C-alpha atoms as a PDB file:
ATOM      1  CA  MET A   1     148.767 282.031 241.463  1.00  0.00           C
ATOM      2  CA  THR A   2     146.584 283.457 238.708  1.00  0.00           C
ATOM      3  CA  PRO A   3     143.791 281.366 237.114  1.00  0.00           C
ATOM      4  CA  ALA A   4     145.850 281.099 233.895  1.00  0.00           C
ATOM      5  CA  VAL A   5     148.845 279.665 235.770  1.00  0.00           C
ATOM      6  CA  GLU A   6     146.624 277.294 237.757  1.00  0.00           C
ATOM      7  CA  ASP A   7     144.908 276.122 234.559  1.00  0.00           C
ATOM      8  CA  SER A   8     148.249 275.467 232.836  1.00  0.00           C
ATOM      9  CA  LEU A   9     149.667 273.505 235.776  1.00  0.00           C
ATOM     10  CA  ARG A  10     146.450 271.501 236.079  1.00  0.00           C
ATOM     11  CA  THR A  11     146.592 270.769 232.347  1.00  0.00           C
ATOM     12  CA  ALA A  12     150.198 269.595 232.668  1.00  0.00           C
ATOM     13  CA  SER A  13     149.331 267.289 235.579  1.00  0.00           C
ATOM     14  CA  THR A  14     146.413 265.800 233.645  1.00  0.00           C
ATOM     15  CA  ALA A  15     148.583 265.159 230.581  1.00  0.00           C
ATOM     16  CA  TYR A  16     151.321 263.562 232.692  1.00  0.00           C
ATOM     17  CA  ARG A  17     148.765 261.240 234.307  1.00  0.00           C
ATOM     18  CA  ARG A  18     147.473 260.270 230.876  1.00  0.00           C
ATOM     19  CA  PHE A  19     151.058 259.565 229.780  1.00  0.00           C
ATOM     20  CA  ALA A  20     151.568 257.295 232.806  1.00  0.00           C
ATOM     21  CA  ASP A  21     148.294 255.469 232.150  1.00  0.00           C
ATOM     22  CA  HIS A  22     149.299 254.707 228.557  1.00  0.00           C
ATOM     23  CA  CYS A  23     152.709 253.462 229.684  1.00  0.00           C
ATOM     24  CA  ARG A  24     151.217 250.529 231.547  1.00  0.00           C
ATOM     25  CA  GLY A  25     151.893 247.429 229.483  1.00  0.00           C
ATOM     26  CA  ALA A  26     153.360 249.421 226.576  1.00  0.00           C
ATOM     27  CA  GLU A  27     156.081 247.751 224.505  1.00  0.00           C
ATOM     28  CA  SER A  28     159.234 249.665 225.411  1.00  0.00           C
ATOM     29  CA  THR A  29     161.010 248.981 222.106  1.00  0.00           C
ATOM     30  CA  LEU A  30     158.257 250.469 219.923  1.00  0.00           C
ATOM     31  CA  PRO A  31     159.525 253.361 217.769  1.00  0.00           C
ATOM     32  CA  THR A  32     158.052 256.829 218.247  1.00  0.00           C
ATOM     33  CA  ARG A  33     157.648 259.661 215.774  1.00  0.00           C
ATOM     34  CA  LEU A  34     160.687 261.293 217.396  1.00  0.00           C
ATOM     35  CA  SER A  35     163.626 260.283 215.232  1.00  0.00           C
ATOM     36  CA  GLY A  36     165.655 257.524 216.855  1.00  0.00           C
ATOM     37  CA  TRP A  37     163.577 257.385 220.043  1.00  0.00           C
ATOM     38  CA  THR A  38     161.783 254.292 221.336  1.00  0.00           C
ATOM     39  CA  VAL A  39     158.946 254.334 223.846  1.00  0.00           C
ATOM     40  CA  ALA A  40     161.481 253.545 226.578  1.00  0.00           C
ATOM     41  CA  GLU A  41     163.547 256.599 225.650  1.00  0.00           C
ATOM     42  CA  LEU A  42     160.456 258.803 225.543  1.00  0.00           C
ATOM     43  CA  VAL A  43     159.453 257.546 229.003  1.00  0.00           C
ATOM     44  CA  GLU A  44     162.928 258.294 230.359  1.00  0.00           C
ATOM     45  CA  HIS A  45     162.796 261.807 228.890  1.00  0.00           C
ATOM     46  CA  VAL A  46     159.349 262.522 230.333  1.00  0.00           C
ATOM     47  CA  ALA A  47     160.372 261.225 233.763  1.00  0.00           C
ATOM     48  CA  TRP A  48     163.378 263.542 233.737  1.00  0.00           C
ATOM     49  CA  GLY A  49     161.279 266.465 232.464  1.00  0.00           C
ATOM     50  CA  ALA A  50     158.522 266.078 235.077  1.00  0.00           C
ATOM     51  CA  ALA A  51     161.106 265.743 237.867  1.00  0.00           C
ATOM     52  CA  MET A  52     163.037 268.778 236.615  1.00  0.00           C
ATOM     53  CA  GLU A  53     159.849 270.847 236.455  1.00  0.00           C
ATOM     54  CA  ALA A  54     158.802 269.719 239.937  1.00  0.00           C
ATOM     55  CA  ALA A  55     162.213 270.691 241.302  1.00  0.00           C
ATOM     56  CA  ALA A  56     162.010 274.073 239.545  1.00  0.00           C
ATOM     57  CA  LEU A  57     158.579 274.786 241.055  1.00  0.00           C
ATOM     58  CA  ARG A  58     159.754 273.781 244.535  1.00  0.00           C
ATOM     59  CA  ALA A  59     162.819 276.005 244.218  1.00  0.00           C
ATOM     60  CA  ALA A  60     160.612 278.903 243.084  1.00  0.00           C
ATOM     61  CA  ALA A  61     158.502 278.356 246.210  1.00  0.00           C
ATOM     62  CA  GLY A  62     161.624 278.443 248.396  1.00  0.00           C
ATOM     63  CA  LEU A  63     161.506 274.711 249.181  1.00  0.00           C
ATOM     64  CA  PRO A  64     164.279 272.105 248.907  1.00  0.00           C
ATOM     65  CA  ALA A  65     164.447 270.653 245.400  1.00  0.00           C
ATOM     66  CA  PRO A  66     165.573 267.032 244.921  1.00  0.00           C
ATOM     67  CA  ASP A  67     168.074 266.130 242.217  1.00  0.00           C
ATOM     68  CA  PRO A  68     166.047 265.066 239.118  1.00  0.00           C
ATOM     69  CA  GLU A  69     168.980 263.257 237.488  1.00  0.00           C
ATOM     70  CA  ARG A  70     167.503 259.727 237.136  1.00  0.00           C
ATOM     71  CA  PRO A  71     163.917 259.705 238.445  1.00  0.00           C
ATOM     72  CA  ASP A  72     161.310 256.980 237.942  1.00  0.00           C
ATOM     73  CA  LEU A  73     158.219 257.993 235.995  1.00  0.00           C
ATOM     74  CA  ALA A  74     155.630 257.459 238.733  1.00  0.00           C
ATOM     75  CA  GLY A  75     157.672 259.319 241.325  1.00  0.00           C
ATOM     76  CA  ALA A  76     158.399 262.203 238.954  1.00  0.00           C
ATOM     77  CA  ILE A  77     154.752 262.654 237.998  1.00  0.00           C
ATOM     78  CA  ALA A  78     153.655 262.496 241.642  1.00  0.00           C
ATOM     79  CA  ALA A  79     156.302 265.102 242.533  1.00  0.00           C
ATOM     80  CA  PHE A  80     155.076 267.367 239.741  1.00  0.00           C
ATOM     81  CA  ALA A  81     151.444 267.031 240.795  1.00  0.00           C
ATOM     82  CA  GLN A  82     152.377 268.040 244.353  1.00  0.00           C
ATOM     83  CA  ALA A  83     154.586 270.934 243.247  1.00  0.00           C
ATOM     84  CA  ALA A  84     151.860 272.188 240.902  1.00  0.00           C
ATOM     85  CA  THR A  85     149.653 272.963 243.913  1.00  0.00           C
ATOM     86  CA  LEU A  86     152.222 275.223 245.625  1.00  0.00           C
ATOM     87  CA  GLU A  87     151.279 278.865 246.012  1.00  0.00           C
ATOM     88  CA  ILE A  88     153.797 280.809 243.897  1.00  0.00           C
ATOM     89  CA  ASP A  89     153.558 284.372 242.624  1.00  0.00           C
ATOM     90  CA  PRO A  90     153.276 284.307 238.777  1.00  0.00           C
ATOM     91  CA  THR A  91     156.107 286.826 238.478  1.00  0.00           C
ATOM     92  CA  THR A  92     158.500 284.535 240.403  1.00  0.00           C
ATOM     93  CA  ALA A  93     161.535 283.476 238.375  1.00  0.00           C
ATOM     94  CA  VAL A  94     161.677 279.763 237.561  1.00  0.00           C
ATOM     95  CA  ALA A  95     165.079 278.294 236.663  1.00  0.00           C
ATOM     96  CA  LEU A  96     164.916 275.888 233.706  1.00  0.00           C
ATOM     97  CA  PRO A  97     167.714 274.329 231.631  1.00  0.00           C
ATOM     98  CA  ALA A  98     166.892 276.723 228.771  1.00  0.00           C
ATOM     99  CA  GLY A  99     167.028 279.796 231.009  1.00  0.00           C
ATOM    100  CA  ILE A 100     165.229 281.676 233.777  1.00  0.00           C
ATOM    101  CA  VAL A 101     161.613 282.602 233.033  1.00  0.00           C
ATOM    102  CA  PRO A 102     158.637 283.862 235.072  1.00  0.00           C
ATOM    103  CA  LEU A 103     156.151 281.281 236.302  1.00  0.00           C
ATOM    104  CA  ALA A 104     153.524 282.863 234.045  1.00  0.00           C
ATOM    105  CA  TYR A 105     155.562 281.534 231.080  1.00  0.00           C
ATOM    106  CA  ALA A 106     156.922 278.355 232.700  1.00  0.00           C
ATOM    107  CA  ALA A 107     153.455 276.999 233.555  1.00  0.00           C
ATOM    108  CA  PRO A 108     152.072 276.894 229.977  1.00  0.00           C
ATOM    109  CA  LEU A 109     155.466 275.605 228.812  1.00  0.00           C
ATOM    110  CA  PHE A 110     155.072 272.657 231.205  1.00  0.00           C
ATOM    111  CA  ALA A 111     151.562 272.049 229.835  1.00  0.00           C
ATOM    112  CA  PHE A 112     152.837 272.205 226.262  1.00  0.00           C
ATOM    113  CA  GLU A 113     155.610 269.684 226.971  1.00  0.00           C
ATOM    114  CA  ALA A 114     153.349 267.295 228.879  1.00  0.00           C
ATOM    115  CA  ALA A 115     150.556 267.410 226.287  1.00  0.00           C
ATOM    116  CA  LEU A 116     152.972 267.023 223.378  1.00  0.00           C
ATOM    117  CA  HIS A 117     154.709 263.996 224.852  1.00  0.00           C
ATOM    118  CA  ALA A 118     151.433 262.376 225.885  1.00  0.00           C
ATOM    119  CA  ALA A 119     150.363 262.736 222.255  1.00  0.00           C
ATOM    120  CA  ASP A 120     153.735 261.319 221.130  1.00  0.00           C
ATOM    121  CA  LEU A 121     153.209 258.221 223.264  1.00  0.00           C
ATOM    122  CA  GLU A 122     149.620 257.710 222.099  1.00  0.00           C
ATOM    123  CA  HIS A 123     150.787 258.005 218.501  1.00  0.00           C
ATOM    124  CA  ALA A 124     153.496 255.380 219.099  1.00  0.00           C
ATOM    125  CA  LEU A 125     150.961 252.952 220.577  1.00  0.00           C
ATOM    126  CA  THR A 126     148.045 253.522 218.179  1.00  0.00           C
ATOM    127  CA  ARG A 127     149.609 255.190 215.104  1.00  0.00           C
ATOM    128  CA  ARG A 128     146.834 257.768 215.364  1.00  0.00           C
ATOM    129  CA  ASP A 129     147.201 261.449 216.162  1.00  0.00           C
ATOM    130  CA  ARG A 130     144.841 262.389 218.999  1.00  0.00           C
ATOM    131  CA  PRO A 131     144.053 266.118 218.758  1.00  0.00           C
ATOM    132  CA  LEU A 132     145.119 268.206 221.741  1.00  0.00           C
ATOM    133  CA  ASP A 133     142.130 269.282 223.816  1.00  0.00           C
ATOM    134  CA  GLY A 134     140.952 272.821 224.486  1.00  0.00           C
ATOM    135  CA  ALA A 135     142.899 273.286 227.726  1.00  0.00           C
ATOM    136  CA  GLU A 136     146.091 271.995 226.117  1.00  0.00           C
ATOM    137  CA  LEU A 137     145.666 274.272 223.105  1.00  0.00           C
ATOM    138  CA  ALA A 138     144.980 277.253 225.375  1.00  0.00           C
ATOM    139  CA  ALA A 139     148.349 276.672 227.057  1.00  0.00           C
ATOM    140  CA  CYS A 140     150.044 276.191 223.695  1.00  0.00           C
ATOM    141  CA  SER A 141     148.665 279.499 222.433  1.00  0.00           C
ATOM    142  CA  LEU A 142     150.408 281.245 225.332  1.00  0.00           C
ATOM    143  CA  VAL A 143     153.789 279.622 224.871  1.00  0.00           C
ATOM    144  CA  VAL A 144     154.401 278.825 221.183  1.00  0.00           C
ATOM    145  CA  GLY A 145     155.209 282.391 220.090  1.00  0.00           C
ATOM    146  CA  PRO A 146     157.749 283.091 222.874  1.00  0.00           C
ATOM    147  CA  MET A 147     159.151 279.581 222.418  1.00  0.00           C
ATOM    148  CA  LEU A 148     159.888 280.314 218.755  1.00  0.00           C
ATOM    149  CA  ASP A 149     161.790 283.419 219.846  1.00  0.00           C
ATOM    150  CA  LEU A 150     164.081 281.154 221.880  1.00  0.00           C
ATOM    151  CA  LEU A 151     164.411 278.445 219.232  1.00  0.00           C
ATOM    152  CA  ALA A 152     165.264 280.679 216.257  1.00  0.00           C
ATOM    153  CA  THR A 153     168.687 279.825 214.849  1.00  0.00           C
ATOM    154  CA  ARG A 154     169.306 279.639 211.120  1.00  0.00           C
ATOM    155  CA  VAL A 155     168.426 282.780 209.167  1.00  0.00           C
ATOM    156  CA  PRO A 156     167.673 282.608 205.412  1.00  0.00           C
ATOM    157  CA  ALA A 157     169.791 284.616 202.999  1.00  0.00           C
ATOM    158  CA  GLU A 158     166.812 286.755 201.984  1.00  0.00           C
ATOM    159  CA  ASP A 159     164.096 288.582 203.920  1.00  0.00           C
ATOM    160  CA  VAL A 160     161.263 286.199 204.783  1.00  0.00           C
ATOM    161  CA  VAL A 161     157.902 286.603 206.527  1.00  0.00           C
ATOM    162  CA  ILE A 162     156.095 283.469 207.748  1.00  0.00           C
ATOM    163  CA  ASP A 163     152.538 283.698 209.057  1.00  0.00           C
ATOM    164  CA  LEU A 164     151.158 280.826 211.164  1.00  0.00           C
ATOM    165  CA  VAL A 165     147.361 280.998 211.137  1.00  0.00           C
ATOM    166  CA  GLY A 166     145.017 278.927 213.285  1.00  0.00           C
ATOM    167  CA  LEU A 167     146.519 279.081 216.777  1.00  0.00           C
ATOM    168  CA  GLY A 168     145.267 281.967 218.908  1.00  0.00           C
ATOM    169  CA  ASP A 169     145.500 285.262 217.052  1.00  0.00           C
ATOM    170  CA  GLY A 170     148.166 283.864 214.722  1.00  0.00           C
ATOM    171  CA  ILE A 171     151.926 284.264 214.788  1.00  0.00           C
ATOM    172  CA  ARG A 172     154.042 286.344 212.401  1.00  0.00           C
ATOM    173  CA  LEU A 173     157.751 285.504 212.099  1.00  0.00           C
ATOM    174  CA  SER A 174     159.914 287.950 210.151  1.00  0.00           C
ATOM    175  CA  ALA A 175     163.524 287.342 209.137  1.00  0.00           C
ATOM    176  CA  THR A 176     165.975 289.981 208.052  1.00  0.00           C
ATOM    177  CA  GLY A 177     168.331 288.021 205.816  1.00  0.00           C
ATOM    178  CA  GLY A 178     172.048 288.315 205.283  1.00  0.00           C
ATOM    179  CA  THR A 179     174.941 288.958 207.631  1.00  0.00           C
ATOM    180  CA  GLY A 180     173.748 290.234 210.993  1.00  0.00           C
ATOM    181  CA  GLY A 181     170.129 289.323 210.243  1.00  0.00           C
ATOM    182  CA  GLY A 182     167.759 287.570 212.589  1.00  0.00           C
ATOM    183  CA  TRP A 183     164.196 286.507 213.311  1.00  0.00           C
ATOM    184  CA  HIS A 184     161.601 288.746 214.952  1.00  0.00           C
ATOM    185  CA  ARG A 185     158.084 287.868 216.068  1.00  0.00           C
ATOM    186  CA  GLY A 186     155.104 290.068 215.319  1.00  0.00           C
ATOM    187  CA  GLU A 187     156.999 292.515 213.101  1.00  0.00           C
ATOM    188  CA  PRO A 188     154.350 295.247 212.406  1.00  0.00           C
ATOM    189  CA  ASP A 189     155.861 296.483 209.150  1.00  0.00           C
ATOM    190  CA  GLY A 190     152.973 295.812 206.789  1.00  0.00           C
ATOM    191  CA  ARG A 191     154.950 293.415 204.595  1.00  0.00           C
ATOM    192  CA  ALA A 192     153.042 290.665 202.812  1.00  0.00           C
ATOM    193  CA  ALA A 193     153.800 287.158 204.012  1.00  0.00           C
ATOM    194  CA  THR A 194     156.321 285.147 201.992  1.00  0.00           C
ATOM    195  CA  THR A 195     154.726 281.956 203.326  1.00  0.00           C
ATOM    196  CA  THR A 196     151.427 281.463 205.125  1.00  0.00           C
ATOM    197  CA  VAL A 197     150.741 278.185 206.935  1.00  0.00           C
ATOM    198  CA  VAL A 198     147.069 277.644 207.783  1.00  0.00           C
ATOM    199  CA  GLY A 199     145.604 274.832 209.848  1.00  0.00           C
ATOM    200  CA  THR A 200     143.633 273.964 212.949  1.00  0.00           C
ATOM    201  CA  ALA A 201     145.161 274.981 216.265  1.00  0.00           C
ATOM    202  CA  HIS A 202     146.252 271.365 216.785  1.00  0.00           C
ATOM    203  CA  GLU A 203     147.828 271.148 213.336  1.00  0.00           C
ATOM    204  CA  VAL A 204     149.748 274.399 213.807  1.00  0.00           C
ATOM    205  CA  VAL A 205     151.144 273.198 217.157  1.00  0.00           C
ATOM    206  CA  MET A 206     152.157 269.855 215.674  1.00  0.00           C
ATOM    207  CA  PHE A 207     153.778 271.577 212.688  1.00  0.00           C
ATOM    208  CA  VAL A 208     155.732 273.992 214.899  1.00  0.00           C
ATOM    209  CA  ALA A 209     156.841 271.049 217.047  1.00  0.00           C
ATOM    210  CA  GLY A 210     157.953 269.074 213.979  1.00  0.00           C
ATOM    211  CA  ARG A 211     155.423 266.277 214.475  1.00  0.00           C
ATOM    212  CA  ILE A 212     153.717 266.750 211.106  1.00  0.00           C
ATOM    213  CA  ASP A 213     155.071 268.059 207.827  1.00  0.00           C
ATOM    214  CA  PRO A 214     153.611 271.047 205.963  1.00  0.00           C
ATOM    215  CA  THR A 215     151.787 268.877 203.436  1.00  0.00           C
ATOM    216  CA  ARG A 216     149.199 268.296 206.177  1.00  0.00           C
ATOM    217  CA  LEU A 217     148.372 272.018 206.264  1.00  0.00           C
ATOM    218  CA  ASP A 218     147.294 274.687 203.788  1.00  0.00           C
ATOM    219  CA  VAL A 219     150.517 276.376 202.653  1.00  0.00           C
ATOM    220  CA  ARG A 220     150.176 279.577 200.652  1.00  0.00           C
ATOM    221  CA  GLY A 221     152.990 281.433 198.966  1.00  0.00           C
ATOM    222  CA  SER A 222     156.464 279.877 199.019  1.00  0.00           C
ATOM    223  CA  ALA A 223     156.261 276.245 200.150  1.00  0.00           C
ATOM    224  CA  GLU A 224     160.055 276.214 200.451  1.00  0.00           C
ATOM    225  CA  HIS A 225     160.027 278.148 203.720  1.00  0.00           C
ATOM    226  CA  ALA A 226     157.369 275.851 205.169  1.00  0.00           C
ATOM    227  CA  ARG A 227     159.618 272.892 204.316  1.00  0.00           C
ATOM    228  CA  ARG A 228     162.598 274.652 205.919  1.00  0.00           C
ATOM    229  CA  PHE A 229     160.699 275.718 209.033  1.00  0.00           C
ATOM    230  CA  LYS A 230     162.329 273.250 211.414  1.00  0.00           C
ATOM    231  CA  SER A 231     165.783 274.233 210.196  1.00  0.00           C
ATOM    232  CA  TYR A 232     164.938 277.819 211.143  1.00  0.00           C
ATOM    233  CA  PHE A 233     163.319 276.805 214.468  1.00  0.00           C
ATOM    234  CA  PRO A 234     164.715 273.429 215.604  1.00  0.00           C
ATOM    235  CA  GLY A 235     163.230 271.559 218.576  1.00  0.00           C
ATOM    236  CA  PRO A 236     161.457 270.946 220.834  1.00  0.00           C
END
């Protein structure tokens, strides 16, 4: 594995352990900032996610992969930690529910998911937003742009350019409106941005993930497209 892949998998394991630590004694019926989800439902989702990722890594390494259908949290996190140490070529295809991706992309995606949900749980328990740390943000900077490519759905009627500034080198999202239009990332056409969203790296990640609304960031140009962002890019 490359250092970047190793760092991302280590970051994911650390975030999963932090999630498990915060679960101890947590009130399962507490609401989370994820609409309609309690702490118990978040825990169930994270257990499934960690088990699924562990199974995907084992399969990529050519090892038997257990069924992650209804895992317990401790077992799932332990399985992920073990699978994260397997020696796998970064170009190896990893099969995920959303599609088949190389390990070089899957690893920071796992870190992003683990860090995000650890932050979700901490927010539910404390009502404070703990900033993602440097290792978590480094993984996010690798995965957020490609993730938005996969998430893009609704296209506005008009041409729109959204710049996200503060995470890595920034992300440009360009939409060609109308019938047959679509979203493109990094469109080098020299157009001025319709909407620019500026924040810290943590704030940009939380905005993209739908955890904070655009009023928490510096929005320049048309605020309408910042408000509509999650309708253009739903999830995760």
